[in-house]
């Protein structure tokens, strides 16, 4: 296969609230792009991307899984992310290395809680998005309601580029508003055969009205489109696609599509929308980094001939290949046999892989724009940067959320205690949102995580892997006080002394900092006070 030009790369994530059909969409993508030969089904436990035993048993995504497919001359590096709030670290570290997101919404449930949280994560990272309203075949499906919620709940600017032909049991296809065609699928071909035809008379008025709304929205958002529209007196398909792309990449608009992944309807147009409206690495410009020596800021352009800069975003223990470190290349390339700077030291690259879920496909090099994995006990951790020897760089790290729940673990023997320490270390390497320690009052081992399900699955892995015998306490919520906003206060102090009456007026303003930032104190008077007075003030404020 010939190398794919960088402008044809799409590094995307698929994200959604749990049960919106996210993994079902991904399985259809793999099937229709020829990566898999049969359809994987979540409800049957045969989904390729949900390869963990726990995922197949529970029917949910627990860990982010990577794969690669090709569509219309584009290379699509895709990460399927979990939809459950307990596994938010998987979404966060995936979004750190992705250029675009396909957000899946249930046509019945609309914008649900975790979908909103995921949207905010993408918004914070300024990641362009497209929306796919799934399950249009379900009773109660309402496309316009979901579009309205995108606008009202998420403060997005949704632009439907499709509308459904019917809904629920009457859902029969999709109207492409840009091309003004009706798309239908042959069920017996599992969605492989897609038919495009002119919009029928009974649906034409609605389609033309919806298309005019796109034109009006683009005229407000995109000046080149407005100029061309005024000059030509019409909006061509090419002009609309170009304007939608510019608007999506500038975070001014979110193209909205629809379909039913379970019924194999709407996946090919969704893939085309990924290539049309989501960015390539070239579109996003240079990544920000710092020189390890000196700390000077450095801009890393997406250049295959530039210095190596790659970010490790996930580390896991693979049952076949051992420790795998997933990374995204932002500049240069990394080859088998190279020695690179990483984590404050140097490592030799022994084996490289392109991942397809849990299948490791051997490659000789990974170049700019690629998502790959290297094998070996390298000591790498999530957030480490791979760079050239003598030109060590540090890309923006990956933040892990603070655990919110804690559980006590009591090994049933001394041998189990030693084994627990070893296995917990490996668990923490894979999942930075877990933490462990010893409870001061009881001396018990404790494990902290993002919720009951998170802890349950983590403990299940500990006990099953080595037949570790543990007595597990009841999970408890960790209560952490923090400032919700700014506040002002003042107090006057008066005391009689032999020298006379001493008075003091203290005014305090408290302002919340970013999460995990250390407490900082500033005052015009601190430099004129003694150490005891300063410590007293700090203790009082804290």
Protein backbone atom coordinates (compact mmCIF):
# COMPACT_ATOMS: atom_id res chain seq x y z
CA UNK A 1 0.00 0.00 0.00
CA UNK A 2 1.33 3.45 -0.97
CA UNK A 3 1.96 5.93 1.88
CA UNK A 4 -0.98 8.21 2.65
CA UNK A 5 -0.26 11.97 2.29
CA UNK A 6 -0.48 13.77 5.63
CA UNK A 7 -3.40 15.93 4.48
CA UNK A 8 -5.37 12.68 4.02
CA UNK A 9 -4.88 11.58 7.65
CA UNK A 10 -7.79 11.76 10.08
CA UNK A 11 -7.06 11.03 13.74
CA UNK A 12 -10.51 10.78 15.28
CA UNK A 13 -12.26 9.56 18.39
CA UNK A 14 -15.76 8.14 18.66
CA UNK A 15 -17.40 9.26 21.90
CA UNK A 16 -20.85 9.13 23.48
CA UNK A 17 -22.94 8.57 26.57
CA UNK A 18 -23.20 4.88 27.44
CA UNK A 19 -25.66 2.92 25.24
CA UNK A 20 -25.88 5.58 22.51
CA UNK A 21 -24.53 3.01 20.03
CA UNK A 22 -20.95 4.24 19.82
CA UNK A 23 -19.24 0.86 19.54
CA UNK A 24 -21.94 -0.36 17.15
CA UNK A 25 -21.07 2.59 14.89
CA UNK A 26 -17.37 1.68 15.11
CA UNK A 27 -18.03 -1.98 14.27
CA UNK A 28 -19.97 -0.90 11.15
CA UNK A 29 -17.11 1.38 10.15
CA UNK A 30 -14.65 -1.52 10.36
CA UNK A 31 -16.95 -3.80 8.36
CA UNK A 32 -17.76 -1.30 5.61
CA UNK A 33 -14.12 -0.25 5.18
CA UNK A 34 -13.07 -3.89 4.82
CA UNK A 35 -11.03 -4.10 8.03
CA UNK A 36 -13.27 -6.89 9.35
CA UNK A 37 -15.07 -9.57 7.37
CA UNK A 38 -18.08 -9.91 9.68
CA UNK A 39 -20.14 -7.58 11.81
CA UNK A 40 -19.26 -7.52 15.48
CA UNK A 41 -22.21 -7.03 17.82
CA UNK A 42 -22.04 -5.57 21.34
CA UNK A 43 -25.10 -7.51 22.56
CA UNK A 44 -23.56 -10.79 21.37
CA UNK A 45 -20.16 -10.06 22.94
CA UNK A 46 -18.48 -10.21 19.51
CA UNK A 47 -17.51 -6.54 19.09
CA UNK A 48 -13.90 -6.35 17.90
CA UNK A 49 -13.18 -3.11 19.74
CA UNK A 50 -14.58 -4.40 23.06
CA UNK A 51 -12.00 -7.16 23.42
CA UNK A 52 -11.64 -7.37 27.20
CA UNK A 53 -13.52 -10.18 28.94
CA UNK A 54 -15.24 -7.63 31.20
CA UNK A 55 -16.33 -5.55 28.20
CA UNK A 56 -17.85 -8.55 26.47
CA UNK A 57 -19.57 -9.74 29.65
CA UNK A 58 -21.02 -6.35 30.57
CA UNK A 59 -21.66 -5.06 27.05
CA UNK A 60 -19.86 -1.75 27.69
CA UNK A 61 -16.56 -0.17 26.65
CA UNK A 62 -14.05 0.02 29.50
CA UNK A 63 -10.77 0.87 27.80
CA UNK A 64 -10.09 3.01 24.73
CA UNK A 65 -9.19 0.84 21.72
CA UNK A 66 -7.33 1.99 18.60
CA UNK A 67 -7.61 0.85 15.00
CA UNK A 68 -6.97 2.11 11.46
CA UNK A 69 -9.15 2.01 8.35
CA UNK A 70 -9.17 3.65 4.92
CA UNK A 71 -12.01 5.52 3.20
CA UNK A 72 -12.03 7.43 -0.08
CA UNK A 73 -8.24 7.76 -0.14
CA UNK A 74 -8.01 8.82 3.51
CA UNK A 75 -6.32 7.03 6.38
CA UNK A 76 -8.58 7.12 9.44
CA UNK A 77 -6.84 6.38 12.76
CA UNK A 78 -9.77 5.77 15.08
CA UNK A 79 -10.05 5.42 18.86
CA UNK A 80 -13.25 4.02 20.35
CA UNK A 81 -13.65 5.54 23.83
CA UNK A 82 -15.74 4.46 26.85
CA UNK A 83 -19.10 6.09 27.52
CA UNK A 84 -19.25 5.47 31.27
CA UNK A 85 -18.28 8.32 33.59
CA UNK A 86 -16.01 6.04 35.67
CA UNK A 87 -13.61 5.70 32.73
CA UNK A 88 -13.22 9.39 31.94
CA UNK A 89 -9.39 9.09 31.93
CA UNK A 90 -9.68 6.95 28.79
CA UNK A 91 -11.54 9.78 27.06
CA UNK A 92 -9.20 12.47 28.38
CA UNK A 93 -5.97 10.83 27.26
CA UNK A 94 -7.45 9.83 23.91
CA UNK A 95 -8.67 13.38 23.23
CA UNK A 96 -5.16 14.62 24.03
CA UNK A 97 -3.81 12.98 20.85
CA UNK A 98 -6.83 13.25 18.53
CA UNK A 99 -7.60 15.91 15.93
CA UNK A 100 -11.36 15.39 15.60
CA UNK A 101 -14.29 13.75 17.35
CA UNK A 102 -17.44 12.00 16.15
CA UNK A 103 -19.97 12.56 18.94
CA UNK A 104 -22.77 9.98 18.93
CA UNK A 105 -26.19 10.88 20.35
CA UNK A 106 -29.22 8.65 20.86
CA UNK A 107 -32.21 9.91 18.86
CA UNK A 108 -34.44 9.05 21.82
CA UNK A 109 -32.26 10.00 24.82
CA UNK A 110 -30.73 13.11 23.24
CA UNK A 111 -27.93 14.92 25.06
CA UNK A 112 -27.37 12.77 28.15
CA UNK A 113 -25.10 13.43 31.13
CA UNK A 114 -21.87 11.79 29.99
CA UNK A 115 -22.36 13.07 26.45
CA UNK A 116 -22.35 16.58 27.89
CA UNK A 117 -19.21 15.86 29.94
CA UNK A 118 -17.41 14.45 26.89
CA UNK A 119 -18.48 17.45 24.81
CA UNK A 120 -16.98 19.80 27.41
CA UNK A 121 -13.72 17.81 27.36
CA UNK A 122 -13.52 18.23 23.58
CA UNK A 123 -14.49 21.89 23.85
CA UNK A 124 -11.74 22.53 26.39
CA UNK A 125 -9.20 21.03 24.00
CA UNK A 126 -10.71 22.92 21.04
CA UNK A 127 -11.27 19.73 19.06
CA UNK A 128 -13.49 20.05 15.95
CA UNK A 129 -16.54 17.78 16.09
CA UNK A 130 -19.31 16.32 13.98
CA UNK A 131 -22.47 14.87 15.53
CA UNK A 132 -24.23 11.64 14.54
CA UNK A 133 -27.81 11.15 15.77
CA UNK A 134 -28.07 7.37 16.05
CA UNK A 135 -31.00 4.99 16.60
CA UNK A 136 -33.37 6.80 14.25
CA UNK A 137 -35.24 3.49 13.93
CA UNK A 138 -36.18 3.47 17.63
CA UNK A 139 -39.66 4.33 18.88
CA UNK A 140 -39.61 7.91 20.16
CA UNK A 141 -36.71 8.97 17.91
CA UNK A 142 -36.73 12.73 17.38
CA UNK A 143 -33.95 14.22 15.26
CA UNK A 144 -34.99 17.85 15.68
CA UNK A 145 -35.18 17.49 19.47
CA UNK A 146 -31.55 16.33 19.56
CA UNK A 147 -30.47 19.20 17.30
CA UNK A 148 -32.28 21.60 19.64
CA UNK A 149 -30.51 20.11 22.68
CA UNK A 150 -27.14 20.45 20.97
CA UNK A 151 -27.85 24.15 20.73
CA UNK A 152 -29.49 24.72 24.12
CA UNK A 153 -27.64 22.27 26.39
CA UNK A 154 -24.19 22.24 24.77
CA UNK A 155 -24.14 25.83 23.45
CA UNK A 156 -23.13 24.38 20.08
CA UNK A 157 -24.01 25.70 16.63
CA UNK A 158 -25.43 22.56 14.98
CA UNK A 159 -25.92 22.58 11.20
CA UNK A 160 -27.86 19.51 10.03
CA UNK A 161 -26.36 18.35 6.73
CA UNK A 162 -28.86 15.49 6.66
CA UNK A 163 -32.42 14.93 7.82
CA UNK A 164 -34.10 11.56 8.35
CA UNK A 165 -36.75 10.23 6.01
CA UNK A 166 -39.22 9.20 8.68
CA UNK A 167 -38.48 8.04 12.24
CA UNK A 168 -39.07 5.01 14.42
CA UNK A 169 -40.63 2.13 12.51
CA UNK A 170 -41.17 4.53 9.57
CA UNK A 171 -37.46 5.39 9.25
CA UNK A 172 -36.60 4.53 5.66
CA UNK A 173 -33.46 6.49 4.75
CA UNK A 174 -31.57 9.77 4.92
CA UNK A 175 -31.85 12.95 2.90
CA UNK A 176 -28.45 14.43 2.05
CA UNK A 177 -29.18 18.16 2.13
CA UNK A 178 -25.90 19.19 0.50
CA UNK A 179 -26.34 16.95 -2.56
CA UNK A 180 -30.15 17.00 -2.26
CA UNK A 181 -30.47 13.23 -2.65
CA UNK A 182 -32.25 10.42 -0.81
CA UNK A 183 -30.00 7.64 0.51
CA UNK A 184 -31.37 4.17 1.24
CA UNK A 185 -29.78 0.83 2.15
CA UNK A 186 -30.41 -2.78 1.25
CA UNK A 187 -30.86 -4.72 4.51
CA UNK A 188 -29.87 -8.06 2.99
CA UNK A 189 -26.41 -6.69 2.10
CA UNK A 190 -25.81 -5.59 5.73
CA UNK A 191 -25.65 -1.98 4.59
CA UNK A 192 -22.99 -2.52 1.93
CA UNK A 193 -25.34 -1.57 -0.93
CA UNK A 194 -26.36 2.10 -0.69
CA UNK A 195 -28.71 3.65 -3.22
CA UNK A 196 -28.72 7.38 -4.06
CA UNK A 197 -31.68 8.92 -5.90
CA UNK A 198 -33.43 12.29 -6.25
CA UNK A 199 -35.51 13.35 -3.26
CA UNK A 200 -39.14 12.20 -3.77
CA UNK A 201 -41.80 14.85 -4.37
CA UNK A 202 -43.38 14.28 -0.96
CA UNK A 203 -40.14 15.11 0.86
CA UNK A 204 -38.74 17.75 -1.49
CA UNK A 205 -40.25 20.86 0.12
CA UNK A 206 -38.92 19.91 3.56
CA UNK A 207 -35.49 19.09 2.10
CA UNK A 208 -35.22 22.34 0.13
CA UNK A 209 -36.26 24.38 3.17
CA UNK A 210 -33.64 22.62 5.33
CA UNK A 211 -30.99 23.22 2.65
CA UNK A 212 -31.82 26.93 2.61
CA UNK A 213 -31.23 27.00 6.36
CA UNK A 214 -27.72 25.60 5.79
CA UNK A 215 -27.05 28.28 3.17
CA UNK A 216 -28.23 31.05 5.50
CA UNK A 217 -26.09 29.72 8.36
CA UNK A 218 -22.98 29.46 6.17
CA UNK A 219 -23.53 32.94 4.74
CA UNK A 220 -23.30 34.30 8.29
CA UNK A 221 -20.28 32.18 9.26
CA UNK A 222 -18.11 32.10 6.15
CA UNK A 223 -17.27 35.18 4.08
CA UNK A 224 -15.80 33.30 1.05
CA UNK A 225 -19.03 31.32 0.78
CA UNK A 226 -21.14 34.47 1.02
CA UNK A 227 -19.12 36.16 -1.75
CA UNK A 228 -19.42 33.15 -4.05
CA UNK A 229 -23.13 32.80 -3.33
CA UNK A 230 -23.79 36.46 -4.15
CA UNK A 231 -21.72 36.23 -7.35
CA UNK A 232 -23.16 32.93 -8.59
CA UNK A 233 -26.70 33.30 -7.25
CA UNK A 234 -26.66 29.67 -6.10
CA UNK A 235 -24.87 27.43 -3.62
CA UNK A 236 -22.99 24.57 -5.24
CA UNK A 237 -22.31 21.33 -3.40
CA UNK A 238 -18.56 21.99 -3.54
CA UNK A 239 -18.93 25.49 -2.06
CA UNK A 240 -21.15 24.21 0.76
CA UNK A 241 -18.73 21.40 1.65
CA UNK A 242 -15.77 23.81 1.69
CA UNK A 243 -17.63 26.32 3.87
CA UNK A 244 -18.84 23.62 6.26
CA UNK A 245 -15.27 22.36 6.58
CA UNK A 246 -13.87 25.82 7.32
CA UNK A 247 -16.62 26.47 9.87
CA UNK A 248 -16.16 23.11 11.61
CA UNK A 249 -12.38 23.50 11.82
CA UNK A 250 -12.78 27.01 13.22
CA UNK A 251 -15.17 25.61 15.89
CA UNK A 252 -17.93 27.84 14.53
CA UNK A 253 -20.28 25.00 13.59
CA UNK A 254 -20.99 21.30 14.12
CA UNK A 255 -22.25 19.37 11.07
CA UNK A 256 -25.03 16.99 12.18
CA UNK A 257 -25.81 13.64 10.53
CA UNK A 258 -28.20 10.82 11.36
CA UNK A 259 -28.84 7.12 10.87
CA UNK A 260 -29.23 3.74 12.54
CA UNK A 261 -25.98 1.87 13.08
CA UNK A 262 -27.78 -1.27 14.22
CA UNK A 263 -29.75 -1.31 10.95
CA UNK A 264 -26.54 -0.47 8.99
CA UNK A 265 -27.94 2.85 7.74
CA UNK A 266 -25.91 6.05 7.56
CA UNK A 267 -22.36 4.78 8.05
CA UNK A 268 -20.91 5.50 4.59
CA UNK A 269 -22.07 9.17 4.66
CA UNK A 270 -20.67 9.45 8.19
CA UNK A 271 -17.25 8.26 6.98
CA UNK A 272 -17.40 10.75 4.11
CA UNK A 273 -18.26 13.49 6.61
CA UNK A 274 -15.16 12.54 8.64
CA UNK A 275 -12.98 13.11 5.57
CA UNK A 276 -14.84 16.30 4.60
CA UNK A 277 -15.34 18.14 7.88
CA UNK A 278 -12.70 16.93 10.37
CA UNK A 279 -9.07 18.12 10.26
CA UNK A 280 -5.85 16.53 9.13
CA UNK A 281 -2.70 17.03 11.27
CA UNK A 282 -1.69 19.77 8.82
CA UNK A 283 -4.87 21.76 9.49
CA UNK A 284 -4.11 22.12 13.19
CA UNK A 285 -0.62 23.56 12.84
CA UNK A 286 2.29 23.09 15.26
CA UNK A 287 2.08 21.42 18.67
CA UNK A 288 3.49 23.24 21.69
CA UNK A 289 6.44 21.74 23.54
CA UNK A 290 9.33 22.75 25.79
CA UNK A 291 13.02 21.99 25.52
CA UNK A 292 13.95 19.76 28.47
CA UNK A 293 17.21 21.69 28.82
CA UNK A 294 16.51 25.35 29.39
CA UNK A 295 12.73 25.13 29.29
CA UNK A 296 12.37 27.28 26.18
CA UNK A 297 9.02 26.92 24.38
CA UNK A 298 9.26 25.09 21.05
CA UNK A 299 6.69 24.80 18.27
CA UNK A 300 6.62 21.33 16.71
CA UNK A 301 5.29 21.38 13.16
CA UNK A 302 3.69 18.30 11.55
CA UNK A 303 6.81 17.57 9.48
CA UNK A 304 8.06 14.07 8.61
CA UNK A 305 11.59 15.47 8.24
CA UNK A 306 11.50 17.41 11.51
CA UNK A 307 12.90 16.36 14.90
CA UNK A 308 11.11 13.47 16.58
CA UNK A 309 8.30 14.45 18.94
CA UNK A 310 5.76 11.83 20.03
CA UNK A 311 3.49 11.63 23.08
CA UNK A 312 2.82 8.42 25.03
CA UNK A 313 -0.88 8.52 25.89
CA UNK A 314 -1.55 4.98 27.10
CA UNK A 315 0.42 2.13 28.66
CA UNK A 316 -0.98 -1.37 29.11
CA UNK A 317 0.07 -4.94 29.73
CA UNK A 318 -0.77 -7.01 26.66
CA UNK A 319 -1.16 -10.76 27.12
CA UNK A 320 0.93 -11.48 24.01
CA UNK A 321 3.36 -8.58 23.56
CA UNK A 322 3.99 -7.59 27.18
CA UNK A 323 4.03 -3.88 28.08
CA UNK A 324 2.74 -1.74 25.19
CA UNK A 325 3.13 2.04 25.10
CA UNK A 326 0.73 3.79 22.71
CA UNK A 327 1.95 7.06 21.20
CA UNK A 328 1.04 9.75 18.66
CA UNK A 329 3.78 11.16 16.41
CA UNK A 330 3.66 14.96 16.06
CA UNK A 331 6.93 15.41 14.17
CA UNK A 332 9.60 13.25 12.54
CA UNK A 333 9.51 9.48 12.62
CA UNK A 334 10.51 6.63 14.88
CA UNK A 335 12.09 3.44 13.54
CA UNK A 336 12.76 -0.01 14.93
CA UNK A 337 16.33 0.06 16.24
CA UNK A 338 16.28 3.78 17.11
CA UNK A 339 17.43 5.01 20.50
CA UNK A 340 15.28 7.91 21.67
CA UNK A 341 15.05 10.25 24.64
CA UNK A 342 12.12 9.48 26.92
CA UNK A 343 11.08 10.03 30.52
CA UNK A 344 14.38 11.60 31.54
CA UNK A 345 16.45 8.77 30.07
CA UNK A 346 16.95 6.84 26.85
CA UNK A 347 15.22 3.77 25.42
CA UNK A 348 15.89 1.54 22.43
CA UNK A 349 12.94 0.81 20.17
CA UNK A 350 12.85 -2.98 19.76
CA UNK A 351 9.38 -3.51 18.27
CA UNK A 352 6.73 -1.24 16.76
CA UNK A 353 3.07 -1.99 16.08
CA UNK A 354 -0.03 -0.55 14.48
CA UNK A 355 -2.89 -1.60 16.74
CA UNK A 356 -6.22 -3.09 15.71
CA UNK A 357 -8.04 -3.42 19.05
CA UNK A 358 -5.91 -6.06 20.84
CA UNK A 359 -4.16 -7.24 17.67
CA UNK A 360 -0.62 -5.88 17.26
CA UNK A 361 0.40 -5.56 13.59
CA UNK A 362 4.19 -5.31 13.18
CA UNK A 363 5.53 -2.18 11.44
CA UNK A 364 9.08 -0.93 10.87
CA UNK A 365 8.46 2.76 11.50
CA UNK A 366 5.83 5.26 12.63
CA UNK A 367 5.83 8.67 10.98
CA UNK A 368 4.22 12.04 11.67
CA UNK A 369 0.45 11.82 12.13
CA UNK A 370 0.46 8.14 13.04
CA UNK A 371 -0.81 6.45 16.18
CA UNK A 372 1.26 3.37 17.04
CA UNK A 373 2.64 1.35 19.95
CA UNK A 374 6.07 0.17 21.03
CA UNK A 375 6.73 -2.94 23.10
CA UNK A 376 9.04 -3.67 25.96
CA UNK A 377 9.62 -2.85 29.64
CA UNK A 378 10.76 0.66 28.77
CA UNK A 379 9.66 2.38 31.97
CA UNK A 380 7.48 4.72 29.94
CA UNK A 381 4.44 6.27 31.59
CA UNK A 382 1.35 8.03 30.31
CA UNK A 383 2.32 11.58 29.34
CA UNK A 384 5.99 10.88 28.51
CA UNK A 385 7.47 12.46 25.37
CA UNK A 386 9.61 10.55 22.88
CA UNK A 387 12.19 12.78 21.18
CA UNK A 388 15.60 12.77 19.52
CA UNK A 389 18.77 12.22 21.57
CA UNK A 390 20.34 15.60 22.30
CA UNK A 391 17.08 17.39 21.47
CA UNK A 392 14.91 16.19 24.34
CA UNK A 393 11.44 17.76 24.33
CA UNK A 394 8.43 17.74 26.62
CA UNK A 395 4.97 17.97 25.06
CA UNK A 396 1.99 19.08 27.12
CA UNK A 397 1.37 16.28 29.67
CA UNK A 398 -1.88 14.42 30.27
CA UNK A 399 -3.81 15.32 33.40
CA UNK A 400 -5.51 12.61 35.44
CA UNK A 401 -8.70 13.39 37.38
CA UNK A 402 -8.70 13.10 41.17
CA UNK A 403 -10.22 9.82 42.44
CA UNK A 404 -13.61 10.25 44.10
CA UNK A 405 -14.08 6.86 45.79
CA UNK A 406 -11.91 4.68 48.02
CA UNK A 407 -12.04 1.02 49.08
CA UNK A 408 -9.98 -0.94 51.62
CA UNK A 409 -8.18 -4.13 50.55
CA UNK A 410 -7.06 -6.77 53.04
CA UNK A 411 -4.89 -9.62 51.66
CA UNK A 412 -5.69 -13.00 53.24
CA UNK A 413 -2.03 -14.04 53.58
CA UNK A 414 1.44 -12.51 53.63
CA UNK A 415 2.11 -14.00 50.19
CA UNK A 416 -1.04 -12.29 48.91
CA UNK A 417 0.16 -9.00 50.44
CA UNK A 418 3.43 -9.11 48.48
CA UNK A 419 1.61 -10.08 45.31
CA UNK A 420 -0.91 -7.26 45.84
CA UNK A 421 1.86 -4.65 45.92
CA UNK A 422 3.30 -5.91 42.63
CA UNK A 423 -0.04 -6.17 40.83
CA UNK A 424 -1.25 -2.76 42.03
CA UNK A 425 1.91 -1.16 40.62
CA UNK A 426 1.07 -2.58 37.18
CA UNK A 427 -2.56 -1.50 37.53
CA UNK A 428 -1.55 2.09 38.34
CA UNK A 429 0.83 2.12 35.37
CA UNK A 430 -2.08 1.32 33.05
CA UNK A 431 -4.68 3.56 34.69
CA UNK A 432 -3.43 6.92 36.03
CA UNK A 433 -6.90 7.72 37.44
CA UNK A 434 -6.38 4.98 40.06
CA UNK A 435 -4.19 5.56 43.09
CA UNK A 436 -3.22 3.39 46.04
CA UNK A 437 -1.74 3.76 49.49
CA UNK A 438 -1.92 2.74 53.14
CA UNK A 439 -4.63 4.04 55.47
CA UNK A 440 -2.81 5.72 58.37
CA UNK A 441 -5.34 4.79 61.07
CA UNK A 442 -5.82 1.11 60.16
CA UNK A 443 -2.69 0.21 58.19
CA UNK A 444 -4.91 -1.27 55.48
CA UNK A 445 -4.11 -1.05 51.78
CA UNK A 446 -6.54 1.26 49.98
CA UNK A 447 -7.40 1.71 46.32
CA UNK A 448 -8.90 4.95 45.02
CA UNK A 449 -10.85 5.29 41.78
CA UNK A 450 -13.48 7.20 39.85
CA UNK A 451 -16.51 5.23 41.05
CA UNK A 452 -17.88 1.88 42.18
CA UNK A 453 -17.75 0.30 38.71
CA UNK A 454 -14.18 1.52 38.18
CA UNK A 455 -13.05 0.00 41.48
CA UNK A 456 -15.04 -3.20 40.95
CA UNK A 457 -13.40 -3.85 37.60
CA UNK A 458 -9.92 -2.95 38.90
CA UNK A 459 -10.28 -5.30 41.88
CA UNK A 460 -11.67 -8.01 39.61
CA UNK A 461 -8.53 -7.78 37.48
CA UNK A 462 -6.35 -8.05 40.60
CA UNK A 463 -8.08 -11.14 41.92
CA UNK A 464 -8.48 -13.01 38.62
CA UNK A 465 -5.03 -12.42 37.20
CA UNK A 466 -3.02 -14.21 39.89
CA UNK A 467 -5.82 -15.80 41.97
CA UNK A 468 -5.16 -13.12 44.56
CA UNK A 469 -7.26 -13.62 47.72
CA UNK A 470 -8.57 -10.29 49.01
CA UNK A 471 -11.12 -9.13 51.53
CA UNK A 472 -12.70 -6.01 50.05
CA UNK A 473 -14.31 -3.29 52.15
CA UNK A 474 -17.31 -1.14 51.27
CA UNK A 475 -16.52 1.64 48.76
CA UNK A 476 -16.66 5.11 50.30
CA UNK A 477 -16.91 8.49 48.62
CA UNK A 478 -13.86 10.70 49.16
CA UNK A 479 -15.07 14.08 50.32
CA UNK A 480 -12.77 16.92 49.36
CA UNK A 481 -13.55 20.52 50.17
CA UNK A 482 -12.60 23.08 47.56
CA UNK A 483 -13.52 26.61 46.64
CA UNK A 484 -16.49 26.99 44.34
CA UNK A 485 -15.87 30.67 43.73
CA UNK A 486 -14.15 33.84 44.93
CA UNK A 487 -14.86 35.39 48.32
CA UNK A 488 -13.96 38.47 50.35
CA UNK A 489 -13.87 38.96 54.10
CA UNK A 490 -12.47 41.27 56.75
CA UNK A 491 -12.04 41.30 60.51
CA UNK A 492 -10.91 43.92 63.04
CA UNK A 493 -8.75 42.92 65.98
CA UNK A 494 -8.20 44.96 69.15
CA UNK A 495 -6.10 44.18 72.24
CA UNK A 496 -4.92 46.27 75.19
CA UNK A 497 -1.15 46.11 75.87
CA UNK A 498 1.19 47.97 78.26
CA UNK A 499 2.10 50.22 75.35
CA UNK A 500 -1.56 51.00 74.68
CA UNK A 501 -4.37 49.59 72.56
CA UNK A 502 -3.25 47.69 69.44
CA UNK A 503 -5.68 47.50 66.56
CA UNK A 504 -5.43 45.61 63.27
CA UNK A 505 -7.74 45.34 60.28
CA UNK A 506 -7.32 42.25 58.08
CA UNK A 507 -8.88 41.98 54.62
CA UNK A 508 -8.76 38.68 52.77
CA UNK A 509 -9.75 37.71 49.24
CA UNK A 510 -9.80 34.01 48.35
CA UNK A 511 -9.73 32.93 44.69
CA UNK A 512 -9.85 29.30 43.41
CA UNK A 513 -6.92 28.13 41.30
CA UNK A 514 -6.79 25.34 38.74
CA UNK A 515 -7.27 21.81 40.02
CA UNK A 516 -4.13 20.39 41.71
CA UNK A 517 -2.43 23.81 41.77
CA UNK A 518 -0.65 24.50 45.08
CA UNK A 519 -2.06 27.12 47.45
CA UNK A 520 -0.43 30.50 46.87
CA UNK A 521 -0.32 33.53 49.18
CA UNK A 522 0.36 37.11 48.19
CA UNK A 523 0.25 40.33 50.21
CA UNK A 524 1.84 43.74 50.17
CA UNK A 525 2.69 43.29 53.85
CA UNK A 526 4.10 39.76 53.98
CA UNK A 527 7.66 40.99 53.41
CA UNK A 528 7.38 43.26 56.47
CA UNK A 529 6.13 40.54 58.84
CA UNK A 530 8.10 37.98 60.80
CA UNK A 531 7.98 34.22 60.05
CA UNK A 532 5.59 33.52 62.95
CA UNK A 533 3.09 36.11 61.75
CA UNK A 534 3.26 34.83 58.16
CA UNK A 535 2.67 31.20 59.25
CA UNK A 536 -0.24 32.30 61.45
CA UNK A 537 -1.86 34.06 58.49
CA UNK A 538 -1.37 31.05 56.22
CA UNK A 539 -2.79 28.67 58.82
CA UNK A 540 -5.81 30.90 59.30
CA UNK A 541 -6.56 31.14 55.59
CA UNK A 542 -5.98 27.42 54.92
